[in-house]
Amino acid sequence: MPVSQQTNLLALPGQIYRHPRYYHDATGWHTKYLLVLAANTDNVVYRLLTSRAHARPEIPPCYHGDPYPGFYLGLIGGSLSTKSWLDLRRQDDYDRRQFSTDVAAGLLTPEASLSLQQICAALDCAANADDTTRQQTGQMRDQRALLGCM
């Protein structure tokens, strides 16, 4: 697929993608799931999902405390069959062109989507997390406005 078409592949807020080769260690490649929070022409703001509570509460769903801030997503379904949290620790953005290339190559595959209510709450929580950059906060707040979040 030509690069010009690759850059048109959408990174939709609320979409959860599966990345089977997110990181490599001594035991091999590891799969991670990521939630797209916001996207523009340059980058995709996302956070990883985790099924490990590590003192992250379910209630309230938005938790900015130590040791691990998170947003409780609950049972999502499909291949995400256990309780899931959005990990709110610092995360660099995904380059938009690389994201599109990875989707076109099948490295990133869409797995599920959050409801409008859930993505709005996740955006609000992530935008206010301590590790979120000012630029990411701005993109997430702009995304909330575009989605019509209350």
Protein backbone atom coordinates (compact mmCIF):
# COMPACT_ATOMS: atom_id res chain seq x y z
CA MET A 1 0.00 0.00 0.00
CA PRO A 2 1.45 3.41 -0.93
CA VAL A 3 2.47 5.65 1.97
CA SER A 4 -0.16 8.24 0.99
CA GLN A 5 -2.91 5.64 1.50
CA GLN A 6 -1.31 4.34 4.71
CA THR A 7 -1.51 7.75 6.36
CA ASN A 8 -5.28 7.72 5.75
CA LEU A 9 -5.84 4.67 7.95
CA LEU A 10 -7.84 5.84 10.92
CA ALA A 11 -6.84 5.78 14.55
CA LEU A 12 -10.26 6.13 16.13
CA PRO A 13 -10.60 7.27 19.74
CA GLY A 14 -12.05 4.45 21.81
CA GLN A 15 -10.65 1.74 19.54
CA ILE A 16 -8.61 -0.98 21.24
CA TYR A 17 -5.83 -2.52 19.16
CA ARG A 18 -3.85 -5.70 19.71
CA HIS A 19 -0.09 -5.50 19.09
CA PRO A 20 1.44 -9.03 19.16
CA ARG A 21 5.05 -7.77 19.13
CA TYR A 22 4.88 -4.76 21.42
CA TYR A 23 8.08 -5.58 23.28
CA HIS A 24 10.74 -8.28 23.38
CA ASP A 25 12.63 -9.73 26.30
CA ALA A 26 14.56 -12.92 27.09
CA THR A 27 11.36 -15.00 26.81
CA GLY A 28 10.37 -13.63 23.39
CA TRP A 29 7.78 -11.22 22.02
CA HIS A 30 4.91 -10.01 24.19
CA THR A 31 1.43 -8.94 23.16
CA LYS A 32 -0.07 -5.71 24.44
CA TYR A 33 -3.42 -4.06 23.93
CA LEU A 34 -3.61 -0.31 23.47
CA LEU A 35 -6.46 2.14 23.58
CA VAL A 36 -6.44 5.09 21.18
CA LEU A 37 -7.35 8.22 23.13
CA ALA A 38 -6.74 10.93 20.52
CA ALA A 39 -5.10 11.35 17.13
CA ASN A 40 -4.05 14.15 14.84
CA THR A 41 -2.03 14.30 11.63
CA ASP A 42 1.25 13.79 13.51
CA ASN A 43 0.64 11.34 16.34
CA VAL A 44 -1.68 8.97 18.14
CA VAL A 45 -2.12 9.37 21.89
CA TYR A 46 -2.70 5.99 23.50
CA ARG A 47 -2.34 4.11 26.73
CA LEU A 48 -1.77 0.41 27.34
CA LEU A 49 -4.29 -1.89 28.93
CA THR A 50 -3.45 -4.18 31.80
CA SER A 51 -5.27 -6.99 33.56
CA ARG A 52 -3.07 -6.64 36.64
CA ALA A 53 -4.80 -4.58 39.30
CA HIS A 54 -1.61 -3.75 41.27
CA ALA A 55 -3.68 -1.78 43.81
CA ARG A 56 -5.68 -0.01 41.09
CA PRO A 57 -9.29 0.16 42.36
CA GLU A 58 -12.45 -0.61 40.45
CA ILE A 59 -14.32 2.09 42.36
CA PRO A 60 -13.72 4.89 41.68
CA PRO A 61 -12.74 3.91 38.14
CA CYS A 62 -10.35 6.88 37.78
CA TYR A 63 -7.37 6.52 40.10
CA HIS A 64 -4.35 8.84 40.05
CA GLY A 65 -2.64 7.49 43.17
CA ASP A 66 0.39 5.34 43.86
CA PRO A 67 1.78 2.94 43.06
CA TYR A 68 -0.01 2.61 39.70
CA PRO A 69 -2.55 5.10 38.38
CA GLY A 70 -5.26 3.64 36.19
CA PHE A 71 -8.76 3.79 34.81
CA TYR A 72 -10.95 0.74 35.36
CA LEU A 73 -12.55 -0.45 32.12
CA GLY A 74 -14.14 -3.64 33.46
CA LEU A 75 -14.82 -6.70 31.34
CA ILE A 76 -14.45 -5.68 27.71
CA GLY A 77 -15.13 -9.02 26.05
CA GLY A 78 -13.71 -10.93 23.12
CA SER A 79 -10.01 -11.61 23.56
CA LEU A 80 -10.08 -9.25 26.57
CA SER A 81 -11.87 -11.69 28.85
CA THR A 82 -10.54 -10.49 32.21
CA LYS A 83 -10.98 -7.23 34.07
CA SER A 84 -8.97 -4.47 32.42
CA TRP A 85 -7.49 -1.16 33.48
CA LEU A 86 -6.02 1.61 31.38
CA ASP A 87 -2.45 2.12 32.60
CA LEU A 88 -2.06 5.88 33.11
CA ARG A 89 1.71 5.90 33.49
CA ARG A 90 3.78 7.91 31.01
CA GLN A 91 3.57 6.69 27.44
CA ASP A 92 5.15 8.21 24.35
CA ASP A 93 2.84 8.85 21.44
CA TYR A 94 2.68 6.59 18.40
CA ASP A 95 3.88 8.30 15.22
CA ARG A 96 0.78 8.59 13.01
CA ARG A 97 2.53 7.29 9.88
CA GLN A 98 4.03 4.34 11.78
CA PHE A 99 0.63 3.59 13.31
CA SER A 100 -0.95 3.52 9.84
CA THR A 101 1.89 1.34 8.51
CA ASP A 102 1.47 -1.11 11.40
CA VAL A 103 -2.31 -1.30 10.82
CA ALA A 104 -1.80 -1.87 7.07
CA ALA A 105 0.77 -4.60 7.78
CA GLY A 106 -1.58 -6.34 10.23
CA LEU A 107 0.74 -5.73 13.17
CA LEU A 108 -1.95 -3.65 14.89
CA THR A 109 -5.41 -5.21 14.71
CA PRO A 110 -8.63 -3.70 16.05
CA GLU A 111 -10.08 -5.83 18.87
CA ALA A 112 -12.88 -3.82 20.47
CA SER A 113 -14.32 -0.35 20.90
CA LEU A 114 -15.40 1.49 24.00
CA SER A 115 -18.81 3.13 24.27
CA LEU A 116 -18.98 6.91 23.95
CA GLN A 117 -19.62 7.20 27.69
CA GLN A 118 -16.60 5.06 28.50
CA ILE A 119 -14.16 6.81 26.13
CA CYS A 120 -15.30 10.21 27.42
CA ALA A 121 -14.61 9.13 31.02
CA ALA A 122 -11.26 7.56 30.04
CA LEU A 123 -10.21 10.74 28.22
CA ASP A 124 -11.09 12.89 31.22
CA CYS A 125 -9.18 10.62 33.59
CA ALA A 126 -6.10 10.23 31.36
CA ALA A 127 -5.95 13.97 30.56
CA ASN A 128 -5.64 14.70 34.29
CA ALA A 129 -3.07 12.00 35.09
CA ASP A 130 0.27 13.17 36.51
CA ASP A 131 2.32 11.53 33.74
CA THR A 132 0.29 12.99 30.87
CA THR A 133 2.18 15.67 28.95
CA ARG A 134 0.70 19.10 28.33
CA GLN A 135 0.47 18.31 24.60
CA GLN A 136 -1.33 15.01 25.27
CA THR A 137 -3.72 16.73 27.67
CA GLY A 138 -4.57 19.29 25.00
CA GLN A 139 -5.19 16.60 22.39
CA MET A 140 -7.38 14.60 24.77
CA ARG A 141 -9.43 17.65 25.74
CA ASP A 142 -9.85 18.56 22.05
CA GLN A 143 -10.95 14.97 21.39
CA ARG A 144 -13.52 15.16 24.21
CA ALA A 145 -14.95 18.30 22.63
CA LEU A 146 -15.11 16.66 19.16
CA LEU A 147 -16.93 13.67 20.64
CA GLY A 148 -19.41 15.93 22.45
CA CYS A 149 -18.47 14.61 25.88
CA MET A 150 -20.23 16.26 28.79
